[in-house]
Amino acid sequence: MAVQALQNRGYAHADALVTTEWVAQHLNDPHVRVIESNEDPLLYSSGHIPNAVEVDWTRDLNDPIRRDYLTREGFENLMSRIGATIETTIVFYGDRNNWWAAYAMWVFSLFGHTNMRIMDGGRQKWIAEGRALSKEAPSPKATKYSAMTRDDVHERAFRDEVLEHVRRQGKMIDVRSPQEYTGERLHMPDYPNEGALRGGHIPGAKNVPWARAVNADTAEFKNADELRNIYESEAGLAKKDDVIVYCRIGERSSHTWFVLKYLLGYPHVRNYDGSWTEYGNLVGVPIEKG
């Protein structure tokens, strides 16, 4: 019934989501690895889904020196450590409406792991349903994992590509808050170290705050009709468009990347992880305010 409920929402790829019920039924499935990724680094140790491993966005996914992601070798070591193989079904979940779970999924996609899902509702729904939590961190048996070379072409956009996109008047979605989009704020509240010298947005970008894609009360994704109304009727996107999404460092926009790519079936969506902390500090590039 839970699987049918997801299919009834009209998603292009309903199998990109699983329910809390499905996860509860697969807690001991050796072919499934559940990953928790949070904004709050203290949540996992305070209690997590039994047998879930933690993937921290700063420690595990980012290069410690350069502003970039881990290498192919680093990804292979990560997958080996968490006990995953090419065939393993990876299920991501976390806090903040699965914001960081989607970010982790996006980074995993760069290395070609395609058998991935997000647990609809994330930590919020699992806890609201009174399901079991564990404070014990599992110790999976290490595996041998062979990843493809990181694909920085199909899912990722870089500065020069964004500038060309602006020149061609390509479709872009700025998923930040309205105050960041207009230039009223230079950063999110409580994130002063991730601001930029200038406020505003990339010319031509439409503002669709990332969290509009979920229902605030349950943290579950809205159905396909509701999402199409937001991104197509309001923001003017069409499935044929080449779309670039961005925020401040690429984390919130990965959530919108997931919505457009998997729930609405857009074939050409790239995440600009340089986002406003890069673009807003560039010399000689155009911006818009208001």
C-alpha atoms as a PDB file:
ATOM      1  CA  MET A   1       0.000   0.000   0.000  1.00  0.00           C
ATOM      2  CA  ALA A   2       2.860   2.387   0.814  1.00  0.00           C
ATOM      3  CA  VAL A   3       4.470   1.847  -2.597  1.00  0.00           C
ATOM      4  CA  GLN A   4       1.122   2.361  -4.266  1.00  0.00           C
ATOM      5  CA  ALA A   5       0.640   5.616  -2.389  1.00  0.00           C
ATOM      6  CA  LEU A   6       3.886   6.982  -3.861  1.00  0.00           C
ATOM      7  CA  GLN A   7       2.892   5.839  -7.335  1.00  0.00           C
ATOM      8  CA  ASN A   8      -0.460   7.578  -6.958  1.00  0.00           C
ATOM      9  CA  ARG A   9       1.282  10.933  -6.605  1.00  0.00           C
ATOM     10  CA  GLY A  10       2.075  10.927 -10.311  1.00  0.00           C
ATOM     11  CA  TYR A  11       5.871  11.147 -10.143  1.00  0.00           C
ATOM     12  CA  ALA A  12       7.944  10.452 -13.240  1.00  0.00           C
ATOM     13  CA  HIS A  13      10.177   8.134 -11.196  1.00  0.00           C
ATOM     14  CA  ALA A  14       8.245   7.083  -8.108  1.00  0.00           C
ATOM     15  CA  ASP A  15      10.912   4.479  -7.339  1.00  0.00           C
ATOM     16  CA  ALA A  16      13.298   7.319  -6.422  1.00  0.00           C
ATOM     17  CA  LEU A  17      11.405   7.505  -3.121  1.00  0.00           C
ATOM     18  CA  VAL A  18      10.728   4.926  -0.454  1.00  0.00           C
ATOM     19  CA  THR A  19       8.414   5.194   2.532  1.00  0.00           C
ATOM     20  CA  THR A  20       9.303   4.920   6.201  1.00  0.00           C
ATOM     21  CA  GLU A  21       7.345   1.664   6.177  1.00  0.00           C
ATOM     22  CA  TRP A  22       9.536   0.277   3.387  1.00  0.00           C
ATOM     23  CA  VAL A  23      12.685   1.216   5.307  1.00  0.00           C
ATOM     24  CA  ALA A  24      11.341  -0.395   8.478  1.00  0.00           C
ATOM     25  CA  GLN A  25      10.821  -3.614   6.516  1.00  0.00           C
ATOM     26  CA  HIS A  26      14.389  -3.569   5.151  1.00  0.00           C
ATOM     27  CA  LEU A  27      16.404  -2.681   8.256  1.00  0.00           C
ATOM     28  CA  ASN A  28      18.322  -5.969   8.090  1.00  0.00           C
ATOM     29  CA  ASP A  29      18.366  -6.397   4.322  1.00  0.00           C
ATOM     30  CA  PRO A  30      22.013  -6.990   3.296  1.00  0.00           C
ATOM     31  CA  HIS A  31      21.286  -5.476  -0.126  1.00  0.00           C
ATOM     32  CA  VAL A  32      20.153  -2.143   1.364  1.00  0.00           C
ATOM     33  CA  ARG A  33      22.326   0.492   3.030  1.00  0.00           C
ATOM     34  CA  VAL A  34      20.527   3.311   4.835  1.00  0.00           C
ATOM     35  CA  ILE A  35      22.503   6.568   5.102  1.00  0.00           C
ATOM     36  CA  GLU A  36      21.717   9.495   7.396  1.00  0.00           C
ATOM     37  CA  SER A  37      23.005  12.920   6.336  1.00  0.00           C
ATOM     38  CA  ASN A  38      22.143  15.952   8.446  1.00  0.00           C
ATOM     39  CA  GLU A  39      22.808  19.628   8.801  1.00  0.00           C
ATOM     40  CA  ASP A  40      23.062  19.143  12.578  1.00  0.00           C
ATOM     41  CA  PRO A  41      26.128  16.932  13.242  1.00  0.00           C
ATOM     42  CA  LEU A  42      24.837  15.917  16.690  1.00  0.00           C
ATOM     43  CA  LEU A  43      21.617  14.281  15.512  1.00  0.00           C
ATOM     44  CA  TYR A  44      23.044  10.966  14.360  1.00  0.00           C
ATOM     45  CA  SER A  45      24.705  10.171  17.687  1.00  0.00           C
ATOM     46  CA  SER A  46      21.543  11.166  19.558  1.00  0.00           C
ATOM     47  CA  GLY A  47      19.568   8.467  17.754  1.00  0.00           C
ATOM     48  CA  HIS A  48      19.248   7.191  14.195  1.00  0.00           C
ATOM     49  CA  ILE A  49      17.462   4.498  12.213  1.00  0.00           C
ATOM     50  CA  PRO A  50      18.860   1.124  13.344  1.00  0.00           C
ATOM     51  CA  ASN A  51      21.769  -0.018  11.138  1.00  0.00           C
ATOM     52  CA  ALA A  52      21.935   3.354   9.366  1.00  0.00           C
ATOM     53  CA  VAL A  53      25.422   4.742   8.742  1.00  0.00           C
ATOM     54  CA  GLU A  54      26.317   8.409   8.828  1.00  0.00           C
ATOM     55  CA  VAL A  55      27.710  10.330   5.869  1.00  0.00           C
ATOM     56  CA  ASP A  56      28.751  13.813   6.934  1.00  0.00           C
ATOM     57  CA  TRP A  57      28.698  16.407   4.169  1.00  0.00           C
ATOM     58  CA  THR A  58      31.887  18.176   5.239  1.00  0.00           C
ATOM     59  CA  ARG A  59      33.981  15.273   6.520  1.00  0.00           C
ATOM     60  CA  ASP A  60      32.993  12.620   3.993  1.00  0.00           C
ATOM     61  CA  LEU A  61      31.939  14.386   0.792  1.00  0.00           C
ATOM     62  CA  ASN A  62      34.206  17.421   0.476  1.00  0.00           C
ATOM     63  CA  ASP A  63      37.891  17.779  -0.253  1.00  0.00           C
ATOM     64  CA  PRO A  64      39.573  19.097   2.925  1.00  0.00           C
ATOM     65  CA  ILE A  65      41.752  21.610   1.045  1.00  0.00           C
ATOM     66  CA  ARG A  66      40.173  22.631  -2.263  1.00  0.00           C
ATOM     67  CA  ARG A  67      36.593  23.747  -2.729  1.00  0.00           C
ATOM     68  CA  ASP A  68      35.610  20.548  -4.478  1.00  0.00           C
ATOM     69  CA  TYR A  69      34.284  17.078  -3.781  1.00  0.00           C
ATOM     70  CA  LEU A  70      36.116  13.904  -2.894  1.00  0.00           C
ATOM     71  CA  THR A  71      38.063  12.080  -5.581  1.00  0.00           C
ATOM     72  CA  ARG A  72      37.187   8.776  -7.207  1.00  0.00           C
ATOM     73  CA  GLU A  73      39.543   7.032  -4.789  1.00  0.00           C
ATOM     74  CA  GLY A  74      37.954   8.852  -1.869  1.00  0.00           C
ATOM     75  CA  PHE A  75      34.478   7.790  -2.979  1.00  0.00           C
ATOM     76  CA  GLU A  76      35.594   4.177  -3.348  1.00  0.00           C
ATOM     77  CA  ASN A  77      37.023   4.275   0.186  1.00  0.00           C
ATOM     78  CA  LEU A  78      33.792   5.790   1.513  1.00  0.00           C
ATOM     79  CA  MET A  79      31.639   3.123  -0.115  1.00  0.00           C
ATOM     80  CA  SER A  80      33.956   0.410   1.134  1.00  0.00           C
ATOM     81  CA  ARG A  81      33.780   1.793   4.675  1.00  0.00           C
ATOM     82  CA  ILE A  82      29.983   1.874   4.733  1.00  0.00           C
ATOM     83  CA  GLY A  83      29.786  -1.645   3.280  1.00  0.00           C
ATOM     84  CA  ALA A  84      28.259  -0.813  -0.093  1.00  0.00           C
ATOM     85  CA  THR A  85      28.741  -2.430  -3.493  1.00  0.00           C
ATOM     86  CA  ILE A  86      27.644  -1.392  -6.974  1.00  0.00           C
ATOM     87  CA  GLU A  87      24.487  -3.457  -6.466  1.00  0.00           C
ATOM     88  CA  THR A  88      23.611  -1.998  -3.054  1.00  0.00           C
ATOM     89  CA  THR A  89      20.409   0.018  -2.839  1.00  0.00           C
ATOM     90  CA  ILE A  90      21.345   3.251  -1.088  1.00  0.00           C
ATOM     91  CA  VAL A  91      18.568   4.993   0.871  1.00  0.00           C
ATOM     92  CA  PHE A  92      19.263   8.535   2.081  1.00  0.00           C
ATOM     93  CA  TYR A  93      17.405  10.417   4.801  1.00  0.00           C
ATOM     94  CA  GLY A  94      18.084  13.257   7.200  1.00  0.00           C
ATOM     95  CA  ASP A  95      16.911  16.417   8.898  1.00  0.00           C
ATOM     96  CA  ARG A  96      15.593  19.649   7.367  1.00  0.00           C
ATOM     97  CA  ASN A  97      13.164  18.036   4.877  1.00  0.00           C
ATOM     98  CA  ASN A  98      15.906  15.754   3.532  1.00  0.00           C
ATOM     99  CA  TRP A  99      17.921  18.775   2.423  1.00  0.00           C
ATOM    100  CA  TRP A 100      21.328  17.208   3.124  1.00  0.00           C
ATOM    101  CA  ALA A 101      20.130  13.747   2.117  1.00  0.00           C
ATOM    102  CA  ALA A 102      19.485  15.105  -1.384  1.00  0.00           C
ATOM    103  CA  TYR A 103      22.903  16.772  -1.355  1.00  0.00           C
ATOM    104  CA  ALA A 104      24.593  13.456  -0.530  1.00  0.00           C
ATOM    105  CA  MET A 105      22.577  11.727  -3.241  1.00  0.00           C
ATOM    106  CA  TRP A 106      23.694  14.339  -5.781  1.00  0.00           C
ATOM    107  CA  VAL A 107      27.362  13.835  -4.882  1.00  0.00           C
ATOM    108  CA  PHE A 108      26.938  10.048  -5.126  1.00  0.00           C
ATOM    109  CA  SER A 109      25.400  10.502  -8.581  1.00  0.00           C
ATOM    110  CA  LEU A 110      28.613  12.160  -9.779  1.00  0.00           C
ATOM    111  CA  PHE A 111      30.353   8.799  -9.349  1.00  0.00           C
ATOM    112  CA  GLY A 112      27.732   6.803 -11.204  1.00  0.00           C
ATOM    113  CA  HIS A 113      25.930   5.068  -8.366  1.00  0.00           C
ATOM    114  CA  THR A 114      22.375   4.949  -9.712  1.00  0.00           C
ATOM    115  CA  ASN A 115      20.612   2.571  -7.334  1.00  0.00           C
ATOM    116  CA  MET A 116      19.601   5.295  -4.894  1.00  0.00           C
ATOM    117  CA  ARG A 117      16.441   6.390  -3.077  1.00  0.00           C
ATOM    118  CA  ILE A 118      15.334   9.055  -0.609  1.00  0.00           C
ATOM    119  CA  MET A 119      13.145   8.146   2.356  1.00  0.00           C
ATOM    120  CA  ASP A 120      10.136  10.408   2.019  1.00  0.00           C
ATOM    121  CA  GLY A 121       9.601  12.494   5.140  1.00  0.00           C
ATOM    122  CA  GLY A 122      13.120  11.994   6.484  1.00  0.00           C
ATOM    123  CA  ARG A 123      13.949  11.994  10.194  1.00  0.00           C
ATOM    124  CA  GLN A 124      10.880  14.093  10.957  1.00  0.00           C
ATOM    125  CA  LYS A 125       8.424  11.504   9.701  1.00  0.00           C
ATOM    126  CA  TRP A 126      10.279   8.507  11.114  1.00  0.00           C
ATOM    127  CA  ILE A 127      10.302  10.054  14.596  1.00  0.00           C
ATOM    128  CA  ALA A 128       6.718  11.347  14.333  1.00  0.00           C
ATOM    129  CA  GLU A 129       5.561   7.798  13.672  1.00  0.00           C
ATOM    130  CA  GLY A 130       7.257   6.608  16.846  1.00  0.00           C
ATOM    131  CA  ARG A 131       9.636   4.266  15.064  1.00  0.00           C
ATOM    132  CA  ALA A 132      12.713   2.845  16.754  1.00  0.00           C
ATOM    133  CA  LEU A 133      15.969   4.778  17.022  1.00  0.00           C
ATOM    134  CA  SER A 134      19.402   3.440  17.883  1.00  0.00           C
ATOM    135  CA  LYS A 135      22.508   5.091  19.321  1.00  0.00           C
ATOM    136  CA  GLU A 136      24.719   2.232  18.197  1.00  0.00           C
ATOM    137  CA  ALA A 137      26.809   2.965  15.115  1.00  0.00           C
ATOM    138  CA  PRO A 138      27.037  -0.131  12.908  1.00  0.00           C
ATOM    139  CA  SER A 139      30.371  -1.526  11.724  1.00  0.00           C
ATOM    140  CA  PRO A 140      29.682  -2.886   8.244  1.00  0.00           C
ATOM    141  CA  LYS A 141      32.067  -5.367   6.681  1.00  0.00           C
ATOM    142  CA  ALA A 142      34.311  -3.524   4.256  1.00  0.00           C
ATOM    143  CA  THR A 143      33.665  -4.095   0.566  1.00  0.00           C
ATOM    144  CA  LYS A 144      35.604  -3.616  -2.660  1.00  0.00           C
ATOM    145  CA  TYR A 145      33.953  -0.825  -4.631  1.00  0.00           C
ATOM    146  CA  SER A 146      34.994   0.358  -8.093  1.00  0.00           C
ATOM    147  CA  ALA A 147      33.583   3.763  -9.070  1.00  0.00           C
ATOM    148  CA  MET A 148      33.587   5.569 -12.377  1.00  0.00           C
ATOM    149  CA  THR A 149      35.643   8.729 -12.780  1.00  0.00           C
ATOM    150  CA  ARG A 150      33.697  11.625 -11.331  1.00  0.00           C
ATOM    151  CA  ASP A 151      31.256  12.981 -13.918  1.00  0.00           C
ATOM    152  CA  ASP A 152      31.390  16.773 -13.765  1.00  0.00           C
ATOM    153  CA  VAL A 153      29.458  17.192 -17.019  1.00  0.00           C
ATOM    154  CA  HIS A 154      25.908  15.878 -16.802  1.00  0.00           C
ATOM    155  CA  GLU A 155      24.806  16.744 -13.249  1.00  0.00           C
ATOM    156  CA  ARG A 156      27.094  19.670 -12.427  1.00  0.00           C
ATOM    157  CA  ALA A 157      27.474  23.204 -13.784  1.00  0.00           C
ATOM    158  CA  PHE A 158      30.561  25.394 -13.491  1.00  0.00           C
ATOM    159  CA  ARG A 159      31.044  29.163 -13.577  1.00  0.00           C
ATOM    160  CA  ASP A 160      31.809  29.503 -17.293  1.00  0.00           C
ATOM    161  CA  GLU A 161      28.849  27.298 -18.179  1.00  0.00           C
ATOM    162  CA  VAL A 162      26.606  29.472 -16.048  1.00  0.00           C
ATOM    163  CA  LEU A 163      27.856  32.622 -17.763  1.00  0.00           C
ATOM    164  CA  GLU A 164      27.132  31.033 -21.149  1.00  0.00           C
ATOM    165  CA  HIS A 165      23.700  30.022 -19.847  1.00  0.00           C
ATOM    166  CA  VAL A 166      23.049  33.660 -18.935  1.00  0.00           C
ATOM    167  CA  ARG A 167      24.146  34.774 -22.390  1.00  0.00           C
ATOM    168  CA  ARG A 168      21.738  32.298 -24.014  1.00  0.00           C
ATOM    169  CA  GLN A 169      18.942  33.261 -21.586  1.00  0.00           C
ATOM    170  CA  GLY A 170      18.749  29.692 -20.352  1.00  0.00           C
ATOM    171  CA  LYS A 171      16.398  28.609 -17.575  1.00  0.00           C
ATOM    172  CA  MET A 172      17.692  28.917 -14.018  1.00  0.00           C
ATOM    173  CA  ILE A 173      16.107  28.415 -10.621  1.00  0.00           C
ATOM    174  CA  ASP A 174      17.450  30.249  -7.575  1.00  0.00           C
ATOM    175  CA  VAL A 175      16.250  28.176  -4.617  1.00  0.00           C
ATOM    176  CA  ARG A 176      17.314  30.592  -1.873  1.00  0.00           C
ATOM    177  CA  SER A 177      14.978  32.638   0.285  1.00  0.00           C
ATOM    178  CA  PRO A 178      13.275  35.682  -1.290  1.00  0.00           C
ATOM    179  CA  GLN A 179      15.459  37.963   0.848  1.00  0.00           C
ATOM    180  CA  GLU A 180      18.644  36.411  -0.519  1.00  0.00           C
ATOM    181  CA  TYR A 181      17.270  36.476  -4.059  1.00  0.00           C
ATOM    182  CA  THR A 182      16.426  40.184  -3.984  1.00  0.00           C
ATOM    183  CA  GLY A 183      19.717  41.108  -2.336  1.00  0.00           C
ATOM    184  CA  GLU A 184      18.187  42.174   0.961  1.00  0.00           C
ATOM    185  CA  ARG A 185      20.292  39.530   2.704  1.00  0.00           C
ATOM    186  CA  LEU A 186      23.840  38.480   1.784  1.00  0.00           C
ATOM    187  CA  HIS A 187      23.510  35.077   3.462  1.00  0.00           C
ATOM    188  CA  MET A 188      21.123  32.809   5.303  1.00  0.00           C
ATOM    189  CA  PRO A 189      20.466  33.664   8.943  1.00  0.00           C
ATOM    190  CA  ASP A 190      23.208  32.115  11.117  1.00  0.00           C
ATOM    191  CA  TYR A 191      25.468  31.483   8.093  1.00  0.00           C
ATOM    192  CA  PRO A 192      27.547  34.696   7.925  1.00  0.00           C
ATOM    193  CA  ASN A 193      30.659  32.862   6.708  1.00  0.00           C
ATOM    194  CA  GLU A 194      28.848  31.765   3.536  1.00  0.00           C
ATOM    195  CA  GLY A 195      27.860  35.187   2.256  1.00  0.00           C
ATOM    196  CA  ALA A 196      29.089  37.158  -0.749  1.00  0.00           C
ATOM    197  CA  LEU A 197      30.263  40.705  -1.406  1.00  0.00           C
ATOM    198  CA  ARG A 198      27.146  41.469  -3.445  1.00  0.00           C
ATOM    199  CA  GLY A 199      23.504  40.616  -2.906  1.00  0.00           C
ATOM    200  CA  GLY A 200      21.069  39.678  -5.634  1.00  0.00           C
ATOM    201  CA  HIS A 201      20.690  36.869  -8.146  1.00  0.00           C
ATOM    202  CA  ILE A 202      21.971  35.621 -11.487  1.00  0.00           C
ATOM    203  CA  PRO A 203      20.220  37.469 -14.333  1.00  0.00           C
ATOM    204  CA  GLY A 204      17.142  35.665 -15.573  1.00  0.00           C
ATOM    205  CA  ALA A 205      16.902  33.232 -12.652  1.00  0.00           C
ATOM    206  CA  LYS A 206      13.470  32.621 -11.162  1.00  0.00           C
ATOM    207  CA  ASN A 207      13.109  32.324  -7.394  1.00  0.00           C
ATOM    208  CA  VAL A 208      11.547  29.098  -6.087  1.00  0.00           C
ATOM    209  CA  PRO A 209      12.631  28.474  -2.469  1.00  0.00           C
ATOM    210  CA  TRP A 210      13.650  24.830  -2.182  1.00  0.00           C
ATOM    211  CA  ALA A 211      11.359  23.894   0.721  1.00  0.00           C
ATOM    212  CA  ARG A 212       8.216  24.727  -1.283  1.00  0.00           C
ATOM    213  CA  ALA A 213       8.553  21.224  -2.761  1.00  0.00           C
ATOM    214  CA  VAL A 214       7.604  19.561   0.534  1.00  0.00           C
ATOM    215  CA  ASN A 215       4.636  19.624   2.870  1.00  0.00           C
ATOM    216  CA  ALA A 216       5.717  21.423   6.032  1.00  0.00           C
ATOM    217  CA  ASP A 217       3.625  19.270   8.368  1.00  0.00           C
ATOM    218  CA  THR A 218       4.938  15.873   7.214  1.00  0.00           C
ATOM    219  CA  ALA A 219       8.184  16.754   5.368  1.00  0.00           C
ATOM    220  CA  GLU A 220       6.910  14.589   2.507  1.00  0.00           C
ATOM    221  CA  PHE A 221       7.241  15.722  -1.084  1.00  0.00           C
ATOM    222  CA  LYS A 222       4.208  17.322  -2.700  1.00  0.00           C
ATOM    223  CA  ASN A 223       2.515  15.402  -5.488  1.00  0.00           C
ATOM    224  CA  ALA A 224       3.476  15.854  -9.131  1.00  0.00           C
ATOM    225  CA  ASP A 225       0.558  18.140  -9.971  1.00  0.00           C
ATOM    226  CA  GLU A 226       1.479  20.488  -7.134  1.00  0.00           C
ATOM    227  CA  LEU A 227       5.132  20.451  -8.168  1.00  0.00           C
ATOM    228  CA  ARG A 228       4.300  21.168 -11.801  1.00  0.00           C
ATOM    229  CA  ASN A 229       2.198  24.116 -10.702  1.00  0.00           C
ATOM    230  CA  ILE A 230       5.175  25.509  -8.781  1.00  0.00           C
ATOM    231  CA  TYR A 231       7.929  24.923 -11.319  1.00  0.00           C
ATOM    232  CA  GLU A 232       6.016  25.115 -14.591  1.00  0.00           C
ATOM    233  CA  SER A 233       2.934  27.323 -14.127  1.00  0.00           C
ATOM    234  CA  GLU A 234       4.700  29.748 -11.773  1.00  0.00           C
ATOM    235  CA  ALA A 235       8.391  29.557 -12.763  1.00  0.00           C
ATOM    236  CA  GLY A 236       7.868  28.860 -16.460  1.00  0.00           C
ATOM    237  CA  LEU A 237       9.916  25.661 -16.788  1.00  0.00           C
ATOM    238  CA  ALA A 238       9.202  22.955 -19.340  1.00  0.00           C
ATOM    239  CA  LYS A 239      10.527  19.399 -19.367  1.00  0.00           C
ATOM    240  CA  LYS A 240      12.528  20.060 -22.549  1.00  0.00           C
ATOM    241  CA  ASP A 241      14.501  22.893 -20.898  1.00  0.00           C
ATOM    242  CA  ASP A 242      18.159  22.769 -19.968  1.00  0.00           C
ATOM    243  CA  VAL A 243      17.880  23.891 -16.332  1.00  0.00           C
ATOM    244  CA  ILE A 244      20.552  25.046 -13.889  1.00  0.00           C
ATOM    245  CA  VAL A 245      19.689  25.277 -10.193  1.00  0.00           C
ATOM    246  CA  TYR A 246      21.723  27.079  -7.545  1.00  0.00           C
ATOM    247  CA  CYS A 247      21.664  28.436  -3.984  1.00  0.00           C
ATOM    248  CA  ARG A 248      24.663  29.529  -1.887  1.00  0.00           C
ATOM    249  CA  ILE A 249      26.983  26.469  -1.970  1.00  0.00           C
ATOM    250  CA  GLY A 250      24.894  23.923  -3.882  1.00  0.00           C
ATOM    251  CA  GLU A 251      23.226  22.143  -0.970  1.00  0.00           C
ATOM    252  CA  ARG A 252      19.678  23.512  -1.074  1.00  0.00           C
ATOM    253  CA  SER A 253      19.704  23.394  -4.866  1.00  0.00           C
ATOM    254  CA  SER A 254      20.518  19.669  -4.824  1.00  0.00           C
ATOM    255  CA  HIS A 255      17.073  19.187  -3.253  1.00  0.00           C
ATOM    256  CA  THR A 256      15.491  20.997  -6.226  1.00  0.00           C
ATOM    257  CA  TRP A 257      17.732  18.989  -8.589  1.00  0.00           C
ATOM    258  CA  PHE A 258      16.177  15.829  -7.130  1.00  0.00           C
ATOM    259  CA  VAL A 259      12.630  17.154  -7.495  1.00  0.00           C
ATOM    260  CA  LEU A 260      13.068  18.203 -11.118  1.00  0.00           C
ATOM    261  CA  LYS A 261      15.124  15.202 -12.236  1.00  0.00           C
ATOM    262  CA  TYR A 262      13.341  12.359 -10.463  1.00  0.00           C
ATOM    263  CA  LEU A 263       9.890  13.483  -9.406  1.00  0.00           C
ATOM    264  CA  LEU A 264       9.099  15.527 -12.529  1.00  0.00           C
ATOM    265  CA  GLY A 265      11.365  13.673 -14.941  1.00  0.00           C
ATOM    266  CA  TYR A 266      13.388  16.586 -16.339  1.00  0.00           C
ATOM    267  CA  PRO A 267      16.252  15.058 -18.372  1.00  0.00           C
ATOM    268  CA  HIS A 268      18.553  18.102 -18.336  1.00  0.00           C
ATOM    269  CA  VAL A 269      19.081  19.491 -14.821  1.00  0.00           C
ATOM    270  CA  ARG A 270      22.460  20.573 -13.457  1.00  0.00           C
ATOM    271  CA  ASN A 271      23.398  21.809 -10.015  1.00  0.00           C
ATOM    272  CA  TYR A 272      25.703  24.859  -9.865  1.00  0.00           C
ATOM    273  CA  ASP A 273      27.509  24.103  -6.611  1.00  0.00           C
ATOM    274  CA  GLY A 274      29.645  27.240  -6.856  1.00  0.00           C
ATOM    275  CA  SER A 275      26.319  29.037  -6.449  1.00  0.00           C
ATOM    276  CA  TRP A 276      26.073  32.530  -4.995  1.00  0.00           C
ATOM    277  CA  THR A 277      29.181  32.332  -2.808  1.00  0.00           C
ATOM    278  CA  GLU A 278      31.140  32.079  -6.055  1.00  0.00           C
ATOM    279  CA  TYR A 279      28.983  34.089  -8.459  1.00  0.00           C
ATOM    280  CA  GLY A 280      28.329  36.929  -6.014  1.00  0.00           C
ATOM    281  CA  ASN A 281      32.085  37.407  -5.579  1.00  0.00           C
ATOM    282  CA  LEU A 282      33.096  37.287  -9.255  1.00  0.00           C
ATOM    283  CA  VAL A 283      34.633  40.381 -10.819  1.00  0.00           C
ATOM    284  CA  GLY A 284      32.924  41.812 -13.871  1.00  0.00           C
ATOM    285  CA  VAL A 285      29.846  39.596 -14.090  1.00  0.00           C
ATOM    286  CA  PRO A 286      26.246  40.840 -14.213  1.00  0.00           C
ATOM    287  CA  ILE A 287      23.771  40.435 -11.379  1.00  0.00           C
ATOM    288  CA  GLU A 288      20.181  41.475 -10.780  1.00  0.00           C
ATOM    289  CA  LYS A 289      18.516  42.817  -7.658  1.00  0.00           C
ATOM    290  CA  GLY A 290      14.925  42.977  -6.569  1.00  0.00           C
END
